[in-house]
Protein backbone atom coordinates (compact mmCIF):
# COMPACT_ATOMS: atom_id res chain seq x y z
CA MET A 1 14.64 36.40 31.94
CA SER A 2 14.09 39.09 29.33
CA ALA A 3 17.78 39.90 29.11
CA LEU A 4 18.68 36.88 26.96
CA PRO A 5 16.14 37.49 24.13
CA SER A 6 17.10 41.20 24.15
CA ALA A 7 20.80 40.37 23.84
CA LEU A 8 20.15 37.85 21.10
CA SER A 9 17.96 40.33 19.24
CA ALA A 10 20.70 42.98 19.48
CA SER A 11 23.25 40.53 18.04
CA ALA A 12 20.90 39.49 15.30
CA THR A 13 20.17 43.12 14.37
CA THR A 14 23.90 43.61 13.92
CA LEU A 15 23.92 40.65 11.54
CA THR A 16 21.05 41.98 9.47
CA SER A 17 22.67 45.40 9.14
CA ALA A 18 25.43 43.75 7.09
CA GLY A 19 22.92 43.22 4.27
CA ASP A 20 21.72 45.71 1.69
CA SER A 21 20.11 48.54 3.60
CA ALA A 22 17.69 49.10 0.70
CA THR A 23 16.04 45.76 1.32
CA ALA A 24 14.46 44.01 4.28
CA PRO A 25 16.69 42.11 6.72
CA ARG A 26 17.70 38.79 5.29
CA TYR A 27 20.05 37.21 7.88
CA GLY A 28 19.01 34.99 10.74
CA PHE A 29 20.13 31.91 12.60
CA VAL A 30 19.07 28.58 14.13
CA LEU A 31 20.37 27.02 17.33
CA SER A 32 19.28 23.40 17.85
CA ALA A 33 20.01 20.09 19.53
CA THR A 34 19.37 16.64 18.05
CA PRO A 35 19.28 13.49 20.18
CA SER A 36 19.69 10.66 17.67
CA GLN A 37 20.37 6.96 17.14
CA LEU A 38 22.85 5.26 14.87
CA ILE A 39 21.23 3.17 12.14
CA SER A 40 22.53 -0.37 11.70
CA MET A 41 22.60 -0.80 7.92
CA ASP A 42 22.82 -4.64 7.67
CA LYS A 43 22.78 -7.86 9.65
CA TYR A 44 26.57 -7.84 10.06
CA GLN A 45 26.59 -4.45 11.70
CA ARG A 46 23.84 -5.60 14.06
CA LYS A 47 26.12 -8.45 15.17
CA TYR A 48 28.82 -6.12 16.59
CA GLN A 49 26.98 -2.85 17.29
CA ARG A 50 26.46 -2.11 20.99
CA HIS A 51 25.60 1.43 22.10
CA LYS A 52 24.02 3.63 19.38
CA SER A 53 23.05 6.92 21.02
CA SER A 54 24.28 10.39 20.11
CA VAL A 55 23.38 14.04 20.62
CA SER A 56 24.48 16.80 18.31
CA LEU A 57 24.56 20.58 18.77
CA GLU A 58 24.03 22.69 15.68
CA PHE A 59 24.38 26.32 14.62
CA GLN A 60 23.24 27.69 11.26
CA LEU A 61 23.74 31.20 9.93
CA ASN A 62 20.91 31.73 7.46
CA ARG A 63 20.64 34.04 4.46
CA ALA A 64 17.11 34.37 3.06
CA THR A 65 16.10 35.11 -0.50
CA LEU A 66 13.45 37.86 -0.79
CA PRO A 67 10.79 38.91 -3.34
CA SER A 68 12.76 42.14 -3.79
CA ASP A 69 15.61 40.10 -5.34
CA SER A 70 13.41 39.56 -8.46
CA ASP A 71 14.95 36.12 -8.69
CA ALA A 72 12.81 33.60 -10.59
CA PHE A 73 14.60 30.58 -9.08
CA ALA A 74 13.98 31.94 -5.58
CA ALA A 75 10.29 32.42 -6.43
CA ASP A 76 10.08 28.84 -7.79
CA TYR A 77 11.40 27.47 -4.50
CA GLY A 78 9.18 29.64 -2.30
CA TYR A 79 12.06 31.94 -1.30
CA PRO A 80 14.46 29.47 0.33
CA THR A 81 17.29 30.12 2.74
CA PHE A 82 20.95 29.23 2.35
CA SER A 83 23.02 28.44 5.42
CA LEU A 84 26.50 27.98 6.72
CA GLY A 85 26.29 25.42 9.49
CA MET A 86 28.35 23.62 12.14
CA ARG A 87 27.33 20.39 13.86
CA TYR A 88 29.17 18.87 16.82
CA SER A 89 28.18 15.25 17.47
CA ILE A 90 28.77 13.75 20.93
CA ASN A 91 28.56 10.00 20.38
CA ASP A 92 28.03 7.09 22.76
CA VAL A 93 28.52 4.59 19.95
CA THR A 94 30.47 1.44 20.66
CA MET A 95 31.22 -1.83 18.86
CA ARG A 96 32.64 -5.21 19.85
CA ARG A 97 32.66 -8.48 17.95
CA THR A 98 31.93 -11.71 19.79
CA SER A 99 32.72 -15.19 18.50
CA ASP A 100 30.88 -15.87 15.31
CA PRO A 101 31.73 -17.81 12.12
CA ALA A 102 31.04 -14.60 10.16
CA TRP A 103 34.34 -13.12 11.42
CA GLY A 104 36.54 -15.84 9.93
CA LEU A 105 40.12 -15.77 11.27
CA ALA A 106 39.79 -12.49 13.18
CA GLU A 107 40.65 -12.76 16.87
CA MET A 108 38.16 -11.26 19.30
CA VAL A 109 39.37 -8.44 21.60
CA ASP A 110 38.47 -7.67 25.21
CA TYR A 111 37.47 -4.00 24.83
CA ASP A 112 34.80 -1.91 23.16
CA SER A 113 35.76 0.06 20.07
CA ARG A 114 34.37 3.59 19.85
CA LEU A 115 33.12 5.80 17.07
CA GLY A 116 34.27 8.98 18.80
CA ASN A 117 32.94 12.52 18.36
CA GLN A 118 32.76 14.45 15.11
CA ILE A 119 32.52 18.05 13.99
CA SER A 120 31.05 18.93 10.59
CA ALA A 121 30.92 22.13 8.55
CA TYR A 122 28.38 22.34 5.77
CA LEU A 123 26.28 24.32 3.30
CA LEU A 124 22.52 23.90 3.65
CA PHE A 125 19.56 24.61 1.35
CA THR A 126 16.19 24.98 3.14
CA ARG A 127 13.03 25.07 1.08
CA PRO A 128 9.78 26.16 2.84
CA PHE A 129 6.64 24.46 1.51
CA PHE A 130 4.15 25.94 3.99
CA ARG A 131 3.97 29.34 5.67
CA HIS A 132 1.23 30.77 7.87
CA LYS A 133 0.99 33.58 10.38
CA ARG A 134 2.14 31.25 13.16
CA TRP A 135 3.24 27.99 11.51
CA SER A 136 5.73 27.15 8.78
CA ALA A 137 7.23 23.89 7.49
CA ASP A 138 10.27 23.12 5.37
CA TYR A 139 12.69 20.49 4.20
CA SER A 140 16.46 20.87 3.98
CA LEU A 141 19.42 19.29 2.17
CA GLY A 142 23.05 19.90 3.03
CA THR A 143 26.57 18.68 2.32
CA GLY A 144 30.02 19.47 3.61
CA ILE A 145 33.02 17.96 5.36
CA GLY A 146 33.48 16.31 8.73
CA TYR A 147 36.32 15.50 11.08
CA SER A 148 36.38 12.55 13.47
CA HIS A 149 38.64 12.55 16.51
CA LEU A 150 38.69 8.72 16.46
CA LYS A 151 38.95 6.27 13.56
CA TYR A 152 39.70 2.61 12.97
CA ASN A 153 43.08 1.33 14.07
CA PRO A 154 44.24 -2.25 14.78
CA VAL A 155 45.67 -1.38 18.25
CA ASP A 156 42.82 -0.08 20.35
CA ASN A 157 39.85 0.56 17.99
CA VAL A 158 39.83 -2.59 15.87
CA ASP A 159 36.08 -3.17 15.74
CA ASN A 160 35.27 0.37 14.56
CA GLU A 161 34.23 -0.61 11.07
CA LEU A 162 32.22 2.60 10.57
CA ILE A 163 34.92 5.26 10.12
CA GLY A 164 38.38 4.68 8.63
CA SER A 165 39.70 8.24 8.16
CA ARG A 166 39.80 11.53 10.05
CA PHE A 167 38.31 13.64 7.24
CA LEU A 168 34.88 12.72 6.00
CA ILE A 169 32.10 13.59 3.61
CA TYR A 170 28.98 14.94 5.33
CA PHE A 171 25.42 14.76 4.04
CA ALA A 172 22.20 15.81 5.83
CA ALA A 173 18.47 15.98 5.21
CA GLY A 174 15.57 17.04 7.38
CA PHE A 175 11.96 18.08 7.79
CA HIS A 176 11.02 20.81 10.25
CA ALA A 177 8.02 22.73 11.58
CA THR A 178 8.39 26.17 13.23
CA TYR A 179 5.94 27.88 15.54
CA ARG A 180 6.28 31.65 15.57
CA ILE A 181 6.32 32.88 19.20
CA ALA A 182 7.15 36.51 18.39
CA SER A 183 7.49 38.66 15.28
CA GLN A 184 11.08 37.54 14.67
CA TRP A 185 11.40 34.35 16.75
CA GLY A 186 10.21 30.78 16.40
CA ILE A 187 10.51 27.40 18.11
CA ARG A 188 11.57 24.75 15.57
CA ALA A 189 11.19 20.97 15.81
CA GLY A 190 11.66 18.23 13.27
CA ALA A 191 13.39 15.06 12.14
CA ASP A 192 17.01 15.06 10.90
CA TYR A 193 19.15 12.45 9.15
CA TYR A 194 22.86 12.87 8.64
CA HIS A 195 25.61 10.68 7.27
CA LEU A 196 29.41 10.67 7.64
CA SER A 197 31.77 8.52 5.57
CA ASN A 198 34.88 8.85 3.42
CA GLY A 199 33.25 7.92 0.12
CA ALA A 200 35.34 4.71 -0.25
CA LEU A 201 38.52 6.79 -0.36
CA ASN A 202 39.81 4.72 2.60
CA ARG A 203 38.78 1.65 4.62
CA PRO A 204 36.84 0.80 6.61
CA ASN A 205 33.92 2.80 5.27
CA LYS A 206 30.58 1.41 6.37
CA GLY A 207 29.74 4.97 7.38
CA ALA A 208 27.86 6.43 10.33
CA ASN A 209 24.15 7.07 9.69
CA PHE A 210 22.10 8.91 12.32
CA ILE A 211 18.44 9.82 12.60
CA GLY A 212 16.81 11.81 15.38
CA ALA A 213 14.36 14.48 16.50
CA SER A 214 15.67 18.06 16.66
CA ILE A 215 14.49 20.99 18.77
CA GLY A 216 15.73 24.53 18.61
CA VAL A 217 15.12 28.27 18.36
CA GLN A 218 15.06 30.25 15.12
CA TYR A 219 15.57 33.95 14.50
CA PHE A 220 13.98 35.04 11.18
CA PRO A 221 13.45 38.82 10.91
CA TYR A 222 12.59 38.37 7.20
CA TYR A 223 9.54 36.17 7.86
CA ASP A 224 6.87 38.81 7.14
CA GLU A 225 8.57 39.58 3.80
CA VAL A 226 8.13 36.01 2.55
CA ARG A 227 5.20 34.69 4.56
CA ASP A 228 2.55 35.05 1.88
CA LYS A 229 4.89 34.06 -0.97
CA GLY A 230 5.06 30.57 -2.41
CA ALA A 231 6.45 28.71 -5.37
CA ASN A 232 4.73 30.53 -8.21
CA GLU A 233 6.04 30.65 -11.80
CA ASN A 234 4.28 34.01 -12.21
CA ASP A 235 5.99 35.72 -9.26
CA VAL A 236 8.77 36.73 -11.63
CA ALA A 237 8.43 36.84 -15.39
CA PRO A 238 10.92 34.18 -16.46
CA ARG A 239 12.01 35.76 -19.74
CA ARG A 240 12.10 39.39 -18.72
CA HIS A 241 14.43 39.42 -15.77
CA PRO A 242 18.18 38.80 -16.20
CA ARG A 243 18.22 36.49 -13.17
CA SER A 244 15.53 34.16 -14.50
CA GLY A 245 18.33 31.73 -15.33
CA ILE A 246 16.61 29.94 -18.21
CA GLU A 247 17.91 31.92 -21.17
CA GLY A 248 21.05 30.38 -22.60
CA ALA A 249 20.56 27.18 -20.59
CA MET A 250 19.54 23.86 -22.05
CA GLN A 251 15.77 23.87 -22.51
CA GLY A 252 13.42 21.17 -23.70
CA LEU A 253 15.17 18.07 -25.05
CA PHE A 254 18.95 17.87 -24.76
CA SER A 255 21.67 15.29 -24.38
CA ARG A 256 24.80 15.35 -22.29
CA VAL A 257 28.02 13.37 -22.10
CA THR A 258 29.75 13.06 -18.76
CA VAL A 259 33.22 11.70 -18.00
CA GLY A 260 34.38 10.94 -14.47
CA VAL A 261 37.75 10.22 -12.88
CA GLY A 262 37.87 9.09 -9.29
CA GLY A 263 39.18 6.48 -6.96
CA LYS A 264 38.57 4.03 -4.14
CA VAL A 265 40.13 1.65 -1.68
CA LEU A 266 38.98 -1.91 -2.26
CA ASN A 267 36.47 -3.44 0.12
CA GLU A 268 37.91 -6.77 -1.02
CA GLU A 269 41.30 -5.93 0.50
CA TRP A 270 39.60 -4.82 3.69
CA GLN A 271 37.64 -8.08 3.94
CA HIS A 272 40.73 -10.15 3.15
CA THR A 273 42.95 -8.53 5.78
CA GLN A 274 40.22 -8.51 8.43
CA PHE A 275 38.76 -12.00 8.16
CA ARG A 276 40.88 -14.19 5.89
CA THR A 277 44.40 -13.33 7.10
CA ARG A 278 45.87 -15.23 10.03
CA PRO A 279 46.95 -13.36 13.17
CA GLY A 280 50.67 -12.71 13.00
CA ASP A 281 50.74 -12.63 9.20
CA PRO A 282 51.77 -9.35 7.51
CA GLY A 283 48.69 -7.29 6.83
CA TYR A 284 46.47 -8.87 9.52
CA ARG A 285 43.74 -6.33 10.31
CA THR A 286 45.92 -3.55 8.86
CA ASN A 287 44.90 0.08 8.36
CA ARG A 288 47.08 0.61 5.29
CA PHE A 289 45.52 0.06 1.87
CA HIS A 290 46.33 0.84 -1.76
CA PHE A 291 44.36 3.55 -3.63
CA TYR A 292 42.96 2.60 -7.06
CA THR A 293 41.62 4.81 -9.83
CA ALA A 294 38.11 4.44 -11.28
CA TYR A 295 36.62 5.85 -14.49
CA SER A 296 33.11 6.45 -15.82
CA LEU A 297 31.39 7.57 -19.02
CA SER A 298 27.71 8.45 -19.29
CA ALA A 299 25.49 9.45 -22.21
CA ASP A 300 22.09 10.85 -21.23
CA LEU A 301 18.93 11.99 -22.97
CA MET A 302 17.26 14.64 -20.82
CA TYR A 303 14.20 16.88 -20.96
CA ARG A 304 14.16 20.13 -19.03
CA TYR A 305 10.44 20.70 -18.50
CA ALA A 306 10.79 23.53 -15.94
CA ARG A 307 13.33 26.05 -14.78
CA ARG A 308 14.06 23.85 -11.78
CA TRP A 309 13.99 20.33 -13.15
CA ALA A 310 15.14 18.00 -15.89
CA SER A 311 14.62 14.26 -16.07
CA GLY A 312 15.74 11.57 -18.45
CA ILE A 313 17.48 8.28 -19.02
CA GLY A 314 21.13 7.40 -19.55
CA ALA A 315 23.65 4.67 -20.32
CA ASP A 316 26.56 4.34 -17.92
CA VAL A 317 29.91 2.65 -18.49
CA PHE A 318 32.33 2.09 -15.59
CA TYR A 319 35.94 0.98 -15.92
CA GLY A 320 37.79 -0.35 -12.88
CA PRO A 321 41.38 -1.46 -13.63
CA TYR A 322 41.48 -2.84 -10.09
CA ALA A 323 39.51 -5.89 -11.29
CA SER A 324 42.79 -7.76 -11.72
CA ARG A 325 43.61 -7.16 -8.04
CA VAL A 326 40.17 -8.38 -7.04
CA GLU A 327 40.84 -11.53 -9.07
CA GLU A 328 44.16 -12.06 -7.25
CA ILE A 329 42.38 -11.83 -3.87
CA ASP A 330 39.64 -14.24 -4.91
CA THR A 331 42.23 -16.71 -6.24
CA ALA A 332 44.23 -16.51 -3.01
CA ASP A 333 41.01 -17.26 -1.08
CA GLY A 334 40.26 -20.25 -3.29
CA ILE A 335 37.29 -18.57 -5.06
CA SER A 336 36.62 -19.10 -8.75
CA THR A 337 34.32 -16.55 -10.38
CA SER A 338 34.22 -14.06 -13.25
CA HIS A 339 36.13 -10.77 -13.29
CA SER A 340 36.00 -7.88 -15.70
CA PRO A 341 37.07 -4.22 -15.35
CA TRP A 342 33.99 -3.16 -17.38
CA SER A 343 30.51 -2.57 -16.00
CA VAL A 344 27.52 -1.33 -18.00
CA GLY A 345 24.21 -0.03 -16.67
CA ILE A 346 21.13 1.94 -17.61
CA SER A 347 19.69 4.52 -15.23
CA ALA A 348 16.89 6.99 -14.61
CA LYS A 349 18.27 10.49 -14.04
CA HIS A 350 17.03 13.69 -12.50
CA SER A 351 18.64 17.13 -12.11
CA VAL A 352 17.48 19.92 -9.82
CA TYR A 353 18.70 23.42 -10.76
CA TYR A 354 19.30 26.63 -8.88
CA HIS A 355 20.94 29.06 -11.31
CA ARG A 356 24.24 27.46 -12.36
CA LEU A 357 24.27 24.89 -9.58
CA SER A 358 22.62 21.53 -10.00
CA LEU A 359 22.02 18.48 -7.84
CA ASP A 360 22.24 15.41 -10.07
CA GLY A 361 20.95 12.00 -9.07
CA ALA A 362 20.56 8.63 -10.77
CA VAL A 363 19.27 5.14 -9.96
CA GLY A 364 20.40 2.42 -12.31
CA VAL A 365 20.50 -1.32 -12.93
CA TYR A 366 23.51 -3.23 -14.20
CA LEU A 367 23.28 -4.90 -17.58
CA TYR A 368 26.80 -6.28 -17.26
CA ARG A 369 29.00 -6.54 -14.17
CA HIS A 370 31.54 -9.16 -13.06
CA MET A 371 33.58 -7.73 -10.24
CA GLY A 372 34.25 -10.86 -8.21
CA ALA A 373 32.87 -12.74 -5.24
CA ASN A 374 32.62 -9.82 -2.77
CA ALA A 375 30.57 -7.77 -5.24
CA GLU A 376 28.20 -10.69 -5.74
CA ILE A 377 27.61 -10.83 -1.98
CA ILE A 378 27.38 -7.19 -0.86
CA GLU A 379 26.35 -5.31 -4.01
CA LYS A 380 22.83 -5.06 -5.30
CA PRO A 381 21.93 -5.37 -9.01
CA TYR A 382 21.23 -1.67 -8.89
CA TYR A 383 23.36 1.40 -8.09
CA GLU A 384 22.90 5.01 -7.14
CA ARG A 385 24.82 8.18 -8.06
CA ILE A 386 24.48 11.61 -6.49
CA GLY A 387 26.53 14.73 -7.03
CA LEU A 388 26.77 18.49 -7.32
CA SER A 389 27.92 20.35 -10.40
CA TYR A 390 28.41 23.94 -11.53
CA SER A 391 27.89 25.04 -15.13
CA PHE A 392 29.79 27.73 -17.03
CA PRO A 393 27.64 29.63 -19.56
CA PHE A 394 30.71 31.04 -21.39
CA LEU A 395 31.72 27.39 -22.06
CA GLY A 396 28.34 26.51 -23.53
CA GLY A 397 27.00 25.09 -20.28
CA VAL A 398 29.92 22.72 -19.59
CA SER A 399 29.72 21.58 -15.94
CA LEU A 400 32.33 20.57 -13.40
CA GLY A 401 31.30 18.59 -10.36
CA ALA A 402 31.82 15.76 -7.89
CA SER A 403 29.72 12.69 -7.29
CA VAL A 404 29.57 9.43 -5.38
CA LYS A 405 28.52 6.10 -6.85
CA ALA A 406 27.07 3.70 -4.28
CA HIS A 407 25.17 0.46 -3.67
CA LEU A 408 22.33 0.93 -1.20
CA THR A 409 24.13 4.04 0.27
CA LYS A 410 27.47 2.16 0.56
CA ALA A 411 30.00 4.07 -1.49
CA ASP A 412 31.67 2.31 -4.40
CA PHE A 413 33.87 5.23 -5.47
CA THR A 414 34.05 9.03 -5.43
CA GLU A 415 34.79 10.95 -8.63
CA LEU A 416 35.28 14.36 -10.22
CA THR A 417 33.08 14.88 -13.30
CA LEU A 418 33.02 16.98 -16.48
CA SER A 419 29.71 17.18 -18.32
CA VAL A 420 29.11 18.55 -21.85
CA PRO A 421 25.47 19.32 -22.82
CA ILE A 422 24.32 19.10 -26.45
CA ARG A 423 21.21 20.95 -27.52
CA ILE A 424 18.63 18.99 -29.53
CA LYS A 425 16.43 21.14 -31.75
């Protein structure tokens, strides 16, 4: 029985030797399994969802930050770890519609549609908020890409409304507790949530949302180096070390202007071909859709009150030239309502920084939006945006990034962004 830990330790020692020999070991790994359940996001999904169970196997290669790095951001976050991870999800998730007025003209089929299995590759940030001799606790956030071996098609997977493309956007979040069973080993358990969808770049795109309890083993030879360290502004003098990351960045009050260019496939076309097109007609329950561009412009007033954080408020303008196509669909379905390519909102904004990388989030409410009948039914009066961006100091802090705009986690469109900060003295 002792051969396995010895072999794993030998492999892990080889990993740690790849680091700087002048510092403590900083590489480790996690092996875990997560039995989980698919979340039904609305009453319509509950009508056709059948089996919802899944189990995923996960491997993470971790790189720890250490006090010897003299990195003020690392000190602020309690010396976090950064990981490359792989998750393989084995899904017993099936769907089948039964007769119901909600499905309109769609004909029912005599088989179960399947979600299929997925594999995801991702980058993960894990921030410990408690460490003790035996116990530690953390939260994690990650994003990456996924691949699904099954997707919607009108031939033999017609009720799979969750996934409409092979390649997907992956997002994960979790809370974990680890019990140290040896100097370099721990047993880890926690709760994980992960999401797979295509960001409205194809249809269908309800997305697959899973939540479950994870259990695994962790190898962390760096634990003693960081055990007694926490988030402490005084761990590293912020203005004396070149890696403090605050000099030259926007501090205090600043504004920023962000432009975005992205795209989407219309949920209105999906709904029309699924439920309001007669069997036998061209386009009935098709899997071919047109791609439309989407544009955004935001002006924000922000206050960076710490190295890690900035918060503020902003005005958002969205332009969707596809509004004319939505109007055509509504007219064909005998619906009379207002349509405009312009939408205007106001939102609360928050940015979380780690050196030049930032996680940017917003929650807003519409002041003006007339995007047709489907939007009135499925959209909320509020919207969310989340994205990652990277700033370039030699360009005055200009940032490039990518973000998703959504309504209650359902993607509206995905965009690339360019943000220009303006210092306010």
